[in-house]
C-alpha atoms as a PDB file:
ATOM      1  CA  MET A   1     -85.399 112.036 -21.408  1.00  0.00           C
ATOM      2  CA  GLY A   2     -86.103 113.950 -18.211  1.00  0.00           C
ATOM      3  CA  LYS A   3     -83.023 112.556 -16.489  1.00  0.00           C
ATOM      4  CA  LEU A   4     -80.844 113.406 -19.525  1.00  0.00           C
ATOM      5  CA  THR A   5     -82.172 116.990 -19.563  1.00  0.00           C
ATOM      6  CA  ASP A   6     -81.461 117.387 -15.836  1.00  0.00           C
ATOM      7  CA  ALA A   7     -77.935 116.027 -16.281  1.00  0.00           C
ATOM      8  CA  LEU A   8     -77.199 118.454 -19.144  1.00  0.00           C
ATOM      9  CA  LYS A   9     -78.617 121.356 -17.117  1.00  0.00           C
ATOM     10  CA  LYS A  10     -76.450 120.437 -14.118  1.00  0.00           C
ATOM     11  CA  ALA A  11     -73.340 120.138 -16.288  1.00  0.00           C
ATOM     12  CA  ALA A  12     -74.026 123.555 -17.847  1.00  0.00           C
ATOM     13  CA  GLU A  13     -74.471 125.164 -14.433  1.00  0.00           C
ATOM     14  CA  GLU A  14     -71.206 123.650 -13.142  1.00  0.00           C
ATOM     15  CA  ARG A  15     -69.348 124.925 -16.207  1.00  0.00           C
ATOM     16  CA  LEU A  16     -70.795 128.417 -15.746  1.00  0.00           C
ATOM     17  CA  GLN A  17     -69.689 128.412 -12.094  1.00  0.00           C
ATOM     18  CA  ARG A  18     -66.143 127.451 -13.121  1.00  0.00           C
ATOM     19  CA  ILE A  19     -66.035 130.255 -15.700  1.00  0.00           C
ATOM     20  CA  GLU A  20     -67.307 132.814 -13.165  1.00  0.00           C
ATOM     21  CA  LYS A  21     -64.696 131.666 -10.661  1.00  0.00           C
ATOM     22  CA  LEU A  22     -61.929 132.093 -13.244  1.00  0.00           C
ATOM     23  CA  ASP A  23     -63.193 135.571 -14.137  1.00  0.00           C
ATOM     24  CA  VAL A  24     -63.032 136.649 -10.481  1.00  0.00           C
ATOM     25  CA  GLN A  25     -59.507 135.312 -10.094  1.00  0.00           C
ATOM     26  CA  ALA A  26     -58.319 136.884 -13.347  1.00  0.00           C
ATOM     27  CA  GLU A  27     -59.401 140.430 -12.549  1.00  0.00           C
ATOM     28  CA  THR A  28     -58.275 142.967  -9.985  1.00  0.00           C
ATOM     29  CA  LYS A  29     -60.476 145.896  -8.999  1.00  0.00           C
ATOM     30  CA  TYR A  30     -59.153 149.312  -9.969  1.00  0.00           C
ATOM     31  CA  GLU A  31     -58.789 151.125  -6.629  1.00  0.00           C
ATOM     32  CA  PHE A  32     -58.765 154.908  -6.647  1.00  0.00           C
ATOM     33  CA  ILE A  33     -57.745 155.660  -3.062  1.00  0.00           C
ATOM     34  CA  ALA A  34     -54.300 154.487  -1.996  1.00  0.00           C
ATOM     35  CA  LYS A  35     -53.578 153.190   1.484  1.00  0.00           C
ATOM     36  CA  LYS A  36     -51.127 155.208   3.510  1.00  0.00           C
ATOM     37  CA  THR A  37     -47.779 153.462   3.514  1.00  0.00           C
ATOM     38  CA  VAL A  38     -45.860 156.202   5.324  1.00  0.00           C
ATOM     39  CA  ASP A  39     -46.647 158.482   8.239  1.00  0.00           C
ATOM     40  CA  SER A  40     -47.867 161.662   6.569  1.00  0.00           C
ATOM     41  CA  LYS A  41     -50.668 164.211   6.780  1.00  0.00           C
ATOM     42  CA  ILE A  42     -51.081 164.102   3.010  1.00  0.00           C
ATOM     43  CA  ASP A  43     -54.530 162.915   1.903  1.00  0.00           C
ATOM     44  CA  PRO A  44     -54.570 159.227   0.863  1.00  0.00           C
ATOM     45  CA  ARG A  45     -56.139 160.201  -2.469  1.00  0.00           C
ATOM     46  CA  ILE A  46     -52.777 161.652  -3.473  1.00  0.00           C
ATOM     47  CA  VAL A  47     -51.773 158.293  -4.932  1.00  0.00           C
ATOM     48  CA  SER A  48     -48.771 159.697  -6.799  1.00  0.00           C
ATOM     49  CA  PHE A  49     -47.190 160.326  -3.391  1.00  0.00           C
ATOM     50  CA  TYR A  50     -48.110 157.123  -1.595  1.00  0.00           C
ATOM     51  CA  ASP A  51     -47.908 154.545  -4.366  1.00  0.00           C
ATOM     52  CA  SER A  52     -46.148 155.709  -7.526  1.00  0.00           C
ATOM     53  CA  LYS A  53     -46.325 152.188  -9.003  1.00  0.00           C
ATOM     54  CA  SER A  54     -50.104 151.811  -8.728  1.00  0.00           C
ATOM     55  CA  PRO A  55     -52.333 151.690 -11.829  1.00  0.00           C
ATOM     56  CA  VAL A  56     -53.922 154.984 -10.768  1.00  0.00           C
ATOM     57  CA  SER A  57     -50.533 156.710 -10.580  1.00  0.00           C
ATOM     58  CA  GLU A  58     -49.840 155.360 -14.048  1.00  0.00           C
ATOM     59  CA  GLN A  59     -52.911 157.229 -15.318  1.00  0.00           C
ATOM     60  CA  TYR A  60     -51.453 160.492 -14.027  1.00  0.00           C
ATOM     61  CA  ARG A  61     -48.175 159.677 -15.775  1.00  0.00           C
ATOM     62  CA  ILE A  62     -50.136 159.131 -18.976  1.00  0.00           C
ATOM     63  CA  LEU A  63     -51.760 162.536 -18.468  1.00  0.00           C
ATOM     64  CA  ARG A  64     -48.296 164.025 -17.922  1.00  0.00           C
ATOM     65  CA  THR A  65     -47.009 162.410 -21.105  1.00  0.00           C
ATOM     66  CA  ASN A  66     -50.001 163.617 -23.113  1.00  0.00           C
ATOM     67  CA  ILE A  67     -49.448 167.185 -21.924  1.00  0.00           C
ATOM     68  CA  GLN A  68     -45.755 167.067 -22.787  1.00  0.00           C
ATOM     69  CA  ALA A  69     -46.586 165.670 -26.235  1.00  0.00           C
ATOM     70  CA  ILE A  70     -48.950 168.509 -27.196  1.00  0.00           C
ATOM     71  CA  ASN A  71     -47.444 170.374 -30.120  1.00  0.00           C
ATOM     72  CA  THR A  72     -47.935 174.128 -29.776  1.00  0.00           C
ATOM     73  CA  LYS A  73     -46.182 177.165 -31.210  1.00  0.00           C
ATOM     74  CA  THR A  74     -45.152 178.239 -27.707  1.00  0.00           C
ATOM     75  CA  PRO A  75     -44.139 175.851 -24.889  1.00  0.00           C
ATOM     76  CA  LEU A  76     -46.849 174.800 -22.448  1.00  0.00           C
ATOM     77  CA  LYS A  77     -45.540 175.996 -19.114  1.00  0.00           C
ATOM     78  CA  ALA A  78     -48.534 177.366 -17.190  1.00  0.00           C
ATOM     79  CA  ILE A  79     -51.526 175.001 -17.133  1.00  0.00           C
ATOM     80  CA  ALA A  80     -54.784 175.677 -15.303  1.00  0.00           C
ATOM     81  CA  ILE A  81     -56.888 172.795 -13.979  1.00  0.00           C
ATOM     82  CA  THR A  82     -60.606 173.513 -13.730  1.00  0.00           C
ATOM     83  CA  SER A  83     -63.983 171.773 -13.848  1.00  0.00           C
ATOM     84  CA  ALA A  84     -67.522 172.685 -14.769  1.00  0.00           C
ATOM     85  CA  ILE A  85     -68.917 172.433 -11.242  1.00  0.00           C
ATOM     86  CA  HIS A  86     -67.720 171.720  -7.691  1.00  0.00           C
ATOM     87  CA  GLY A  87     -66.734 168.260  -6.509  1.00  0.00           C
ATOM     88  CA  GLU A  88     -65.399 166.773  -9.756  1.00  0.00           C
ATOM     89  CA  GLY A  89     -61.880 166.116  -8.463  1.00  0.00           C
ATOM     90  CA  LYS A  90     -59.951 169.002 -10.001  1.00  0.00           C
ATOM     91  CA  THR A  91     -57.772 169.661  -6.934  1.00  0.00           C
ATOM     92  CA  ILE A  92     -56.886 165.981  -6.462  1.00  0.00           C
ATOM     93  CA  THR A  93     -56.058 165.836 -10.175  1.00  0.00           C
ATOM     94  CA  ALA A  94     -53.899 168.973 -10.006  1.00  0.00           C
ATOM     95  CA  ILE A  95     -51.896 167.689  -7.023  1.00  0.00           C
ATOM     96  CA  ASN A  96     -51.367 164.200  -8.436  1.00  0.00           C
ATOM     97  CA  LEU A  97     -50.367 165.640 -11.809  1.00  0.00           C
ATOM     98  CA  ALA A  98     -47.873 168.037 -10.199  1.00  0.00           C
ATOM     99  CA  ILE A  99     -46.266 165.231  -8.180  1.00  0.00           C
ATOM    100  CA  SER A 100     -46.138 162.985 -11.235  1.00  0.00           C
ATOM    101  CA  MET A 101     -44.406 165.721 -13.215  1.00  0.00           C
ATOM    102  CA  ALA A 102     -41.980 166.353 -10.355  1.00  0.00           C
ATOM    103  CA  ASN A 103     -41.073 162.649 -10.341  1.00  0.00           C
ATOM    104  CA  ASP A 104     -40.153 162.740 -14.023  1.00  0.00           C
ATOM    105  CA  LEU A 105     -36.582 161.540 -14.571  1.00  0.00           C
ATOM    106  CA  ASN A 106     -35.873 164.730 -16.523  1.00  0.00           C
ATOM    107  CA  LYS A 107     -36.064 166.521 -13.152  1.00  0.00           C
ATOM    108  CA  LYS A 108     -38.231 169.414 -14.299  1.00  0.00           C
ATOM    109  CA  SER A 109     -38.981 172.071 -11.708  1.00  0.00           C
ATOM    110  CA  ILE A 110     -42.708 172.145 -10.913  1.00  0.00           C
ATOM    111  CA  LEU A 111     -44.760 174.804  -9.134  1.00  0.00           C
ATOM    112  CA  LEU A 112     -48.225 173.895  -7.863  1.00  0.00           C
ATOM    113  CA  VAL A 113     -50.351 177.012  -7.317  1.00  0.00           C
ATOM    114  CA  ASP A 114     -53.593 177.028  -5.348  1.00  0.00           C
ATOM    115  CA  ALA A 115     -55.467 179.618  -7.408  1.00  0.00           C
ATOM    116  CA  ASP A 116     -58.872 178.660  -6.012  1.00  0.00           C
ATOM    117  CA  LEU A 117     -59.112 181.684  -3.754  1.00  0.00           C
ATOM    118  CA  ARG A 118     -62.732 180.944  -2.845  1.00  0.00           C
ATOM    119  CA  ARG A 119     -62.504 177.333  -1.635  1.00  0.00           C
ATOM    120  CA  SER A 120     -58.790 176.539  -1.467  1.00  0.00           C
ATOM    121  CA  ARG A 121     -58.062 172.853  -0.830  1.00  0.00           C
ATOM    122  CA  VAL A 122     -54.437 172.262  -1.835  1.00  0.00           C
ATOM    123  CA  SER A 123     -53.037 172.995   1.627  1.00  0.00           C
ATOM    124  CA  LYS A 124     -55.689 170.802   3.260  1.00  0.00           C
ATOM    125  CA  TYR A 125     -54.936 167.816   1.015  1.00  0.00           C
ATOM    126  CA  LEU A 126     -51.193 168.224   1.531  1.00  0.00           C
ATOM    127  CA  GLY A 127     -51.501 168.595   5.297  1.00  0.00           C
ATOM    128  CA  LEU A 128     -50.113 172.138   5.340  1.00  0.00           C
ATOM    129  CA  SER A 129     -50.948 174.844   7.855  1.00  0.00           C
ATOM    130  CA  SER A 130     -52.488 178.058   6.544  1.00  0.00           C
ATOM    131  CA  GLY A 131     -50.191 180.995   5.892  1.00  0.00           C
ATOM    132  CA  ALA A 132     -49.263 183.637   3.350  1.00  0.00           C
ATOM    133  CA  GLY A 133     -49.899 182.736  -0.258  1.00  0.00           C
ATOM    134  CA  LEU A 134     -51.070 183.872  -3.674  1.00  0.00           C
ATOM    135  CA  SER A 135     -53.615 186.444  -2.494  1.00  0.00           C
ATOM    136  CA  ASP A 136     -51.076 188.064  -0.148  1.00  0.00           C
ATOM    137  CA  LEU A 137     -48.512 188.087  -2.944  1.00  0.00           C
ATOM    138  CA  VAL A 138     -50.772 189.961  -5.369  1.00  0.00           C
ATOM    139  CA  LEU A 139     -52.664 192.190  -2.925  1.00  0.00           C
ATOM    140  CA  ASN A 140     -50.030 193.105  -0.357  1.00  0.00           C
ATOM    141  CA  GLY A 141     -46.771 192.633  -2.211  1.00  0.00           C
ATOM    142  CA  THR A 142     -45.630 189.915   0.208  1.00  0.00           C
ATOM    143  CA  ASN A 143     -42.155 188.609  -0.539  1.00  0.00           C
ATOM    144  CA  ILE A 144     -42.517 185.556  -2.737  1.00  0.00           C
ATOM    145  CA  ASN A 145     -39.934 183.670  -0.679  1.00  0.00           C
ATOM    146  CA  ASP A 146     -42.313 183.928   2.287  1.00  0.00           C
ATOM    147  CA  THR A 147     -45.069 182.152   0.371  1.00  0.00           C
ATOM    148  CA  LEU A 148     -43.339 179.257  -1.398  1.00  0.00           C
ATOM    149  CA  LEU A 149     -43.311 175.893   0.407  1.00  0.00           C
ATOM    150  CA  ASN A 150     -41.327 172.688   0.035  1.00  0.00           C
ATOM    151  CA  ILE A 151     -43.085 169.537   1.257  1.00  0.00           C
ATOM    152  CA  GLY A 152     -40.127 167.205   0.818  1.00  0.00           C
ATOM    153  CA  ILE A 153     -40.825 166.105  -2.750  1.00  0.00           C
ATOM    154  CA  ASP A 154     -37.895 166.758  -5.053  1.00  0.00           C
ATOM    155  CA  ASN A 155     -38.492 169.315  -7.828  1.00  0.00           C
ATOM    156  CA  LEU A 156     -41.891 170.367  -6.399  1.00  0.00           C
ATOM    157  CA  THR A 157     -42.753 173.742  -4.857  1.00  0.00           C
ATOM    158  CA  ILE A 158     -46.142 174.797  -3.491  1.00  0.00           C
ATOM    159  CA  LEU A 159     -47.692 178.271  -3.631  1.00  0.00           C
ATOM    160  CA  PRO A 160     -50.751 178.195  -1.292  1.00  0.00           C
ATOM    161  CA  ALA A 161     -53.836 180.340  -1.792  1.00  0.00           C
ATOM    162  CA  GLY A 162     -53.205 182.558   1.217  1.00  0.00           C
ATOM    163  CA  LYS A 163     -55.894 184.487   3.036  1.00  0.00           C
ATOM    164  CA  THR A 164     -59.375 184.364   1.488  1.00  0.00           C
ATOM    165  CA  PRO A 165     -59.907 187.732  -0.243  1.00  0.00           C
ATOM    166  CA  THR A 166     -63.159 189.594  -0.825  1.00  0.00           C
ATOM    167  CA  ASN A 167     -62.422 190.032  -4.541  1.00  0.00           C
ATOM    168  CA  PRO A 168     -60.879 186.804  -5.909  1.00  0.00           C
ATOM    169  CA  ALA A 169     -61.971 187.406  -9.510  1.00  0.00           C
ATOM    170  CA  GLU A 170     -60.347 190.842  -9.589  1.00  0.00           C
ATOM    171  CA  ILE A 171     -57.113 189.391  -8.204  1.00  0.00           C
ATOM    172  CA  LEU A 172     -56.895 186.559 -10.739  1.00  0.00           C
ATOM    173  CA  GLY A 173     -57.757 188.854 -13.643  1.00  0.00           C
ATOM    174  CA  SER A 174     -55.399 191.662 -12.628  1.00  0.00           C
ATOM    175  CA  ASP A 175     -52.285 192.845 -14.430  1.00  0.00           C
ATOM    176  CA  LYS A 176     -50.298 191.925 -11.310  1.00  0.00           C
ATOM    177  CA  MET A 177     -51.445 188.325 -11.661  1.00  0.00           C
ATOM    178  CA  GLY A 178     -50.427 188.279 -15.303  1.00  0.00           C
ATOM    179  CA  SER A 179     -47.000 189.660 -14.428  1.00  0.00           C
ATOM    180  CA  LEU A 180     -46.613 187.126 -11.629  1.00  0.00           C
ATOM    181  CA  ILE A 181     -47.354 184.215 -13.969  1.00  0.00           C
ATOM    182  CA  SER A 182     -44.801 185.530 -16.453  1.00  0.00           C
ATOM    183  CA  ALA A 183     -42.185 185.780 -13.715  1.00  0.00           C
ATOM    184  CA  LEU A 184     -42.934 182.273 -12.444  1.00  0.00           C
ATOM    185  CA  LYS A 185     -42.712 180.831 -15.966  1.00  0.00           C
ATOM    186  CA  ALA A 186     -39.188 182.179 -16.174  1.00  0.00           C
ATOM    187  CA  LYS A 187     -38.273 180.319 -12.968  1.00  0.00           C
ATOM    188  CA  TYR A 188     -40.138 176.996 -13.281  1.00  0.00           C
ATOM    189  CA  ASP A 189     -40.412 174.460 -16.093  1.00  0.00           C
ATOM    190  CA  TYR A 190     -44.110 173.821 -15.408  1.00  0.00           C
ATOM    191  CA  ILE A 191     -46.757 175.622 -13.359  1.00  0.00           C
ATOM    192  CA  ILE A 192     -49.941 173.770 -12.430  1.00  0.00           C
ATOM    193  CA  LEU A 193     -52.718 176.049 -11.203  1.00  0.00           C
ATOM    194  CA  ASP A 194     -55.768 174.680  -9.387  1.00  0.00           C
ATOM    195  CA  THR A 195     -58.611 177.049 -10.235  1.00  0.00           C
ATOM    196  CA  PRO A 196     -62.317 177.318  -9.287  1.00  0.00           C
ATOM    197  CA  PRO A 197     -64.975 175.622 -11.447  1.00  0.00           C
ATOM    198  CA  ILE A 198     -65.885 177.711 -14.481  1.00  0.00           C
ATOM    199  CA  VAL A 199     -69.712 177.555 -14.450  1.00  0.00           C
ATOM    200  CA  PRO A 200     -70.514 179.082 -11.025  1.00  0.00           C
ATOM    201  CA  VAL A 201     -67.773 181.758 -11.051  1.00  0.00           C
ATOM    202  CA  THR A 202     -65.671 183.582 -13.631  1.00  0.00           C
ATOM    203  CA  ASP A 203     -62.250 183.069 -11.998  1.00  0.00           C
ATOM    204  CA  ALA A 204     -61.032 180.194 -14.196  1.00  0.00           C
ATOM    205  CA  GLY A 205     -61.920 182.122 -17.333  1.00  0.00           C
ATOM    206  CA  LEU A 206     -60.029 185.199 -16.200  1.00  0.00           C
ATOM    207  CA  LEU A 207     -56.998 183.137 -15.283  1.00  0.00           C
ATOM    208  CA  GLY A 208     -57.317 180.967 -18.378  1.00  0.00           C
ATOM    209  CA  ALA A 209     -56.503 183.920 -20.605  1.00  0.00           C
ATOM    210  CA  ASN A 210     -53.140 184.340 -18.825  1.00  0.00           C
ATOM    211  CA  VAL A 211     -51.973 180.722 -18.956  1.00  0.00           C
ATOM    212  CA  ASP A 212     -50.866 178.497 -21.831  1.00  0.00           C
ATOM    213  CA  GLY A 213     -53.779 176.104 -21.604  1.00  0.00           C
ATOM    214  CA  VAL A 214     -56.618 174.692 -19.525  1.00  0.00           C
ATOM    215  CA  ILE A 215     -57.491 171.097 -18.651  1.00  0.00           C
ATOM    216  CA  MET A 216     -61.081 170.429 -17.658  1.00  0.00           C
ATOM    217  CA  VAL A 217     -61.812 167.695 -15.120  1.00  0.00           C
ATOM    218  CA  ILE A 218     -65.121 165.875 -15.585  1.00  0.00           C
ATOM    219  CA  GLN A 219     -66.614 163.419 -13.117  1.00  0.00           C
ATOM    220  CA  ALA A 220     -68.005 160.405 -14.936  1.00  0.00           C
ATOM    221  CA  ASN A 221     -71.701 159.576 -14.493  1.00  0.00           C
ATOM    222  CA  ARG A 222     -72.351 162.910 -12.776  1.00  0.00           C
ATOM    223  CA  THR A 223     -71.626 165.933 -14.926  1.00  0.00           C
ATOM    224  CA  GLN A 224     -74.131 166.259 -17.755  1.00  0.00           C
ATOM    225  CA  ARG A 225     -73.036 166.792 -21.337  1.00  0.00           C
ATOM    226  CA  GLY A 226     -74.839 170.122 -21.554  1.00  0.00           C
ATOM    227  CA  VAL A 227     -73.004 171.420 -18.483  1.00  0.00           C
ATOM    228  CA  VAL A 228     -69.646 170.434 -19.986  1.00  0.00           C
ATOM    229  CA  GLN A 229     -70.519 172.148 -23.268  1.00  0.00           C
ATOM    230  CA  HIS A 230     -71.566 175.276 -21.389  1.00  0.00           C
ATOM    231  CA  ALA A 231     -68.272 175.233 -19.460  1.00  0.00           C
ATOM    232  CA  ARG A 232     -66.304 174.966 -22.706  1.00  0.00           C
ATOM    233  CA  THR A 233     -68.268 177.884 -24.161  1.00  0.00           C
ATOM    234  CA  LEU A 234     -67.443 180.029 -21.123  1.00  0.00           C
ATOM    235  CA  LEU A 235     -63.739 179.220 -21.464  1.00  0.00           C
ATOM    236  CA  ALA A 236     -63.825 180.021 -25.184  1.00  0.00           C
ATOM    237  CA  GLN A 237     -65.492 183.350 -24.477  1.00  0.00           C
ATOM    238  CA  ALA A 238     -62.672 184.127 -22.055  1.00  0.00           C
ATOM    239  CA  HIS A 239     -60.112 183.269 -24.782  1.00  0.00           C
ATOM    240  CA  ALA A 240     -58.796 180.352 -22.756  1.00  0.00           C
ATOM    241  CA  LYS A 241     -57.275 177.466 -24.703  1.00  0.00           C
ATOM    242  CA  VAL A 242     -58.741 174.107 -23.700  1.00  0.00           C
ATOM    243  CA  LEU A 243     -56.028 171.474 -24.007  1.00  0.00           C
ATOM    244  CA  GLY A 244     -58.299 168.540 -23.223  1.00  0.00           C
ATOM    245  CA  TYR A 245     -60.396 166.715 -20.664  1.00  0.00           C
ATOM    246  CA  THR A 246     -59.740 164.145 -17.973  1.00  0.00           C
ATOM    247  CA  LEU A 247     -62.374 161.868 -16.443  1.00  0.00           C
ATOM    248  CA  THR A 248     -62.539 161.094 -12.734  1.00  0.00           C
ATOM    249  CA  GLY A 249     -64.646 158.670 -10.755  1.00  0.00           C
ATOM    250  CA  ILE A 250     -64.231 155.774 -13.184  1.00  0.00           C
ATOM    251  CA  GLN A 251     -64.157 152.309 -11.639  1.00  0.00           C
ATOM    252  CA  TYR A 252     -63.618 149.160 -13.647  1.00  0.00           C
ATOM    253  CA  HIS A 253     -61.770 145.870 -13.607  1.00  0.00           C
ATOM    254  CA  ILE A 254     -58.475 145.164 -15.312  1.00  0.00           C
ATOM    255  CA  PRO A 255     -56.977 141.746 -16.043  1.00  0.00           C
ATOM    256  CA  GLU A 256     -54.594 140.505 -13.364  1.00  0.00           C
ATOM    257  CA  TYR A 257     -51.678 140.125 -15.775  1.00  0.00           C
ATOM    258  CA  ILE A 258     -51.969 143.800 -16.775  1.00  0.00           C
ATOM    259  CA  TYR A 259     -52.096 144.821 -13.098  1.00  0.00           C
ATOM    260  CA  ARG A 260     -48.904 142.866 -12.440  1.00  0.00           C
ATOM    261  CA  TYR A 261     -47.232 144.465 -15.455  1.00  0.00           C
ATOM    262  CA  LEU A 262     -48.136 147.948 -14.204  1.00  0.00           C
END
């Protein structure tokens, strides 16, 4: 009986090892940082630029499709991207979304605005040198043609943050800013604005009242539910319309056949 039990145990272990081996072969890890395939100063996390066919890029296309499918009384043209707190991936999301929208076959004109006048990151992630931008446009009346940049991506224009001002909230909540957004909406099909997180500063709320909607970026397994609810309350108090949420920092496995299909 002892020998029979040992034989059954060994057979079960061998079968389990075969199943585990098949599981490893049948799944591909979901990578979130693309490898650079071209010589560029653009951050490798901008996957929509480096690898438009990757599963991660597909998620940004899904986000693009969901935004375009939202049924509102007025067209969604100016969309602010914010988060509850720092470090949740809002800027990376804004850039990837803008590039994904620019790559749409409908050839919509897209403007990406760095409206985070406190800790601007758009220029850094795109490998751009600092220069005149949004703050100079609103404060000093700089010619808009001296602030807009083309980074070689069809249908995409960049409006950097410009010099760091001493009063970013007043700039973003000013009548001049509201007029600027209206003028830009007449020129571009979509405007994506990267804004500061809503909990520590009021900027996103002030700007949220002047745009058509806000998307909140939430980092999975980091941002607490209560913080997200507080952020939503702050946006509601500012009369900003929350269009939805997008999660970042998710890592999981997908079957190999789905990966190949994507």
